[in-house]
Amino acid sequence: MGIFDRFRNTSVVEPDSDEKTKLDERRTEHYILKSLPIVLEDLKTLPQADLLNPYKTAALTILALYAYSQEPKEGLAMLEFLKGSEIVTSEEKNFMEEYFEERPFAPMAYFKGSTPENDYTPTGDYRLDIYSNGKSNQEDGSMKVFIKCLGANNASKFVRLKKEGAQWYLVEHDLLCEMQGPDESALWL
């Protein structure tokens, strides 16, 4: 079994509905990973790299931000893959560079079990819970999905995605937010 064989998802749909598009309702998808990819080639081997639903792309966005915190060049390559025909702008690059200087721990704050008190160290496998609500669909055809960040003042952070063909691509996110530092610092960065 390869390290990415364990990246799986389970979906919880609330409430029950017919099999038509399930993008306009409350829904949660869970993604579990044994280890985190650092290079684009590893990210592309994950089943979620087909980008066939917005939850998959949102989960991979967290992985790309983690990769950026370790290897910025690889993280940027992952983000560009997730953006499809769009590029990561120089403003976005500058912001990420400054942001991660103070908050290299930030992507870990999205994994279940990570808290400021345990230095953002998940317990067990890396688990992401991505959810939508009844208002996730936007007028412009994009969709917002959400993920909890236990280190942030406002725990619900969004990822906005847009469908091109059969795939969902990253448009914007507010994942790089002000958050509490690991336990030893207790500062809001």
Protein backbone atom coordinates (compact mmCIF):
# COMPACT_ATOMS: atom_id res chain seq x y z
CA MET A 1 0.00 0.00 0.00
CA GLY A 2 1.42 3.42 -1.01
CA ILE A 3 1.37 6.41 1.30
CA PHE A 4 -1.51 7.96 -0.64
CA ASP A 5 -3.67 4.85 -0.75
CA ARG A 6 -5.15 5.98 2.54
CA PHE A 7 -6.34 9.36 1.25
CA ARG A 8 -9.98 8.56 1.17
CA ASN A 9 -13.16 10.42 1.57
CA THR A 10 -16.48 9.66 3.09
CA SER A 11 -19.47 11.86 2.46
CA VAL A 12 -22.23 12.76 4.85
CA VAL A 13 -25.18 14.43 3.16
CA GLU A 14 -27.72 16.26 5.30
CA PRO A 15 -30.65 16.07 4.75
CA ASP A 16 -31.38 13.12 2.46
CA SER A 17 -32.22 14.10 -1.10
CA ASP A 18 -32.46 12.59 -4.54
CA GLU A 19 -29.36 11.87 -6.62
CA LYS A 20 -29.49 15.11 -8.62
CA THR A 21 -26.77 17.65 -8.00
CA LYS A 22 -26.04 17.65 -4.29
CA LEU A 23 -24.20 20.94 -4.34
CA ASP A 24 -27.03 23.13 -3.06
CA GLU A 25 -27.56 21.49 0.31
CA ARG A 26 -25.82 20.97 3.59
CA ARG A 27 -23.10 18.43 3.01
CA THR A 28 -19.86 17.36 4.65
CA GLU A 29 -17.04 15.39 3.10
CA HIS A 30 -14.26 13.91 5.19
CA TYR A 31 -10.76 13.34 3.81
CA ILE A 32 -8.17 11.24 5.63
CA LEU A 33 -4.50 11.10 4.77
CA LYS A 34 -1.65 9.18 6.37
CA SER A 35 1.05 11.66 5.24
CA LEU A 36 1.10 15.00 3.47
CA PRO A 37 2.45 15.52 -0.06
CA ILE A 38 5.24 18.06 -0.52
CA VAL A 39 5.64 17.90 -4.32
CA LEU A 40 3.09 18.43 -7.09
CA GLU A 41 3.63 14.96 -8.58
CA ASP A 42 2.58 13.37 -5.27
CA LEU A 43 -0.49 15.61 -5.04
CA LYS A 44 -1.52 14.59 -8.55
CA THR A 45 -1.46 10.90 -7.58
CA LEU A 46 -4.26 11.42 -5.07
CA PRO A 47 -7.73 10.34 -6.21
CA GLN A 48 -9.04 13.81 -5.32
CA ALA A 49 -6.72 15.39 -7.92
CA ASP A 50 -9.40 14.75 -10.55
CA LEU A 51 -11.04 17.90 -9.06
CA LEU A 52 -14.49 16.54 -9.88
CA ASN A 53 -16.18 18.18 -6.93
CA PRO A 54 -15.52 21.39 -4.97
CA TYR A 55 -14.83 19.54 -1.72
CA LYS A 56 -11.91 17.69 -3.28
CA THR A 57 -10.35 20.89 -4.59
CA ALA A 58 -10.80 22.59 -1.21
CA ALA A 59 -9.11 19.70 0.60
CA LEU A 60 -6.20 19.82 -1.85
CA THR A 61 -5.91 23.57 -1.24
CA ILE A 62 -5.04 22.89 2.40
CA LEU A 63 -2.44 20.35 1.27
CA ALA A 64 -0.95 22.90 -1.16
CA LEU A 65 -0.69 25.49 1.61
CA TYR A 66 1.03 22.93 3.83
CA ALA A 67 3.47 22.15 1.00
CA TYR A 68 4.10 25.90 0.62
CA SER A 69 5.00 26.12 4.32
CA GLN A 70 7.63 23.42 3.74
CA GLU A 71 8.76 24.04 0.13
CA PRO A 72 7.35 27.32 -1.26
CA LYS A 73 8.15 26.52 -4.90
CA GLU A 74 6.26 23.19 -4.72
CA GLY A 75 3.35 24.76 -2.86
CA LEU A 76 3.02 27.41 -5.58
CA ALA A 77 3.07 24.71 -8.26
CA MET A 78 0.24 22.92 -6.43
CA LEU A 79 -1.79 26.12 -6.11
CA GLU A 80 -1.38 26.85 -9.81
CA PHE A 81 -2.56 23.31 -10.60
CA LEU A 82 -5.63 23.92 -8.42
CA LYS A 83 -6.33 27.29 -10.08
CA GLY A 84 -6.51 25.75 -13.55
CA SER A 85 -6.12 28.43 -16.19
CA GLU A 86 -5.50 31.15 -13.59
CA ILE A 87 -2.07 31.94 -12.14
CA VAL A 88 -0.96 32.79 -8.63
CA THR A 89 -0.49 36.57 -8.79
CA SER A 90 2.60 38.37 -7.53
CA GLU A 91 0.42 39.94 -4.80
CA GLU A 92 -0.66 36.48 -3.64
CA LYS A 93 2.96 35.27 -3.68
CA ASN A 94 4.15 38.27 -1.65
CA PHE A 95 1.32 37.85 0.85
CA MET A 96 2.05 34.13 1.32
CA GLU A 97 5.76 34.76 1.78
CA GLU A 98 5.13 37.32 4.52
CA TYR A 99 2.31 35.30 6.08
CA PHE A 100 4.30 32.07 6.40
CA GLU A 101 7.32 33.86 7.90
CA GLU A 102 5.22 34.43 11.03
CA ARG A 103 2.80 31.48 10.76
CA PRO A 104 4.50 28.37 9.34
CA PHE A 105 2.09 26.30 11.46
CA ALA A 106 -1.07 27.76 9.85
CA PRO A 107 -2.06 24.95 7.44
CA MET A 108 -1.92 22.43 10.30
CA ALA A 109 -4.69 24.36 12.09
CA TYR A 110 -7.24 22.90 9.63
CA PHE A 111 -6.62 19.24 10.45
CA LYS A 112 -8.95 17.60 12.93
CA GLY A 113 -7.39 17.39 16.38
CA SER A 114 -5.02 20.34 15.82
CA THR A 115 -5.27 23.11 18.39
CA PRO A 116 -3.03 25.90 19.66
CA GLU A 117 -2.66 23.92 22.90
CA ASN A 118 -1.09 20.91 21.14
CA ASP A 119 1.07 23.07 18.83
CA TYR A 120 -1.26 22.30 15.91
CA THR A 121 -0.35 18.63 15.89
CA PRO A 122 -3.20 16.47 14.64
CA THR A 123 -3.99 13.32 16.57
CA GLY A 124 -3.68 10.24 14.36
CA ASP A 125 -4.14 10.53 10.61
CA TYR A 126 -4.54 13.90 8.89
CA ARG A 127 -8.28 14.51 8.60
CA LEU A 128 -10.03 17.38 6.84
CA ASP A 129 -13.77 18.00 7.09
CA ILE A 130 -15.06 20.19 4.25
CA TYR A 131 -18.69 21.30 4.38
CA SER A 132 -21.25 23.38 2.57
CA ASN A 133 -24.47 24.99 3.65
CA GLY A 134 -27.71 25.82 1.91
CA LYS A 135 -26.20 29.13 0.74
CA SER A 136 -22.93 27.80 -0.66
CA ASN A 137 -23.85 28.32 -4.32
CA GLN A 138 -23.02 31.85 -5.49
CA GLU A 139 -24.82 33.89 -8.14
CA ASP A 140 -21.78 33.86 -10.45
CA GLY A 141 -21.84 30.05 -10.65
CA SER A 142 -19.09 29.57 -8.10
CA MET A 143 -19.46 27.74 -4.82
CA LYS A 144 -18.14 28.38 -1.33
CA VAL A 145 -17.25 25.45 0.90
CA PHE A 146 -16.05 25.78 4.45
CA ILE A 147 -13.51 24.31 6.81
CA LYS A 148 -13.02 24.88 10.52
CA CYS A 149 -9.85 26.45 11.87
CA LEU A 150 -9.59 26.03 15.63
CA GLY A 151 -6.86 28.67 15.91
CA ALA A 152 -8.87 31.49 14.35
CA ASN A 153 -11.26 33.95 15.96
CA ASN A 154 -13.91 33.07 13.37
CA ALA A 155 -13.56 29.30 13.04
CA SER A 156 -15.31 28.92 9.66
CA LYS A 157 -13.01 29.70 6.74
CA PHE A 158 -14.08 29.52 3.11
CA VAL A 159 -12.72 28.30 -0.19
CA ARG A 160 -14.49 29.62 -3.30
CA LEU A 161 -14.35 27.44 -6.39
CA LYS A 162 -15.67 27.64 -9.92
CA LYS A 163 -16.53 24.83 -12.28
CA GLU A 164 -14.87 24.75 -15.71
CA GLY A 165 -15.96 21.76 -17.74
CA ALA A 166 -16.18 18.85 -15.29
CA GLN A 167 -13.58 20.18 -12.84
CA TRP A 168 -13.74 22.61 -9.92
CA TYR A 169 -10.91 25.13 -9.67
CA LEU A 170 -9.72 27.37 -6.84
CA VAL A 171 -10.80 31.02 -7.16
CA GLU A 172 -10.07 32.44 -3.71
CA HIS A 173 -9.92 31.53 -0.02
CA ASP A 174 -9.58 33.12 3.38
CA LEU A 175 -7.52 30.29 4.89
CA LEU A 176 -4.48 32.48 5.58
CA CYS A 177 -6.04 34.38 8.43
CA GLU A 178 -5.07 35.82 11.77
CA MET A 179 -4.82 32.97 14.23
CA GLN A 180 -3.49 32.11 17.64
CA GLY A 181 0.11 30.95 17.67
CA PRO A 182 1.11 27.57 19.09
CA ASP A 183 0.74 27.16 22.84
CA GLU A 184 4.18 28.43 23.77
CA SER A 185 3.59 31.81 22.12
CA ALA A 186 -0.15 32.31 22.78
CA LEU A 187 0.10 35.36 20.50
CA TRP A 188 -2.38 36.18 17.78
CA LEU A 189 -0.43 36.40 14.54
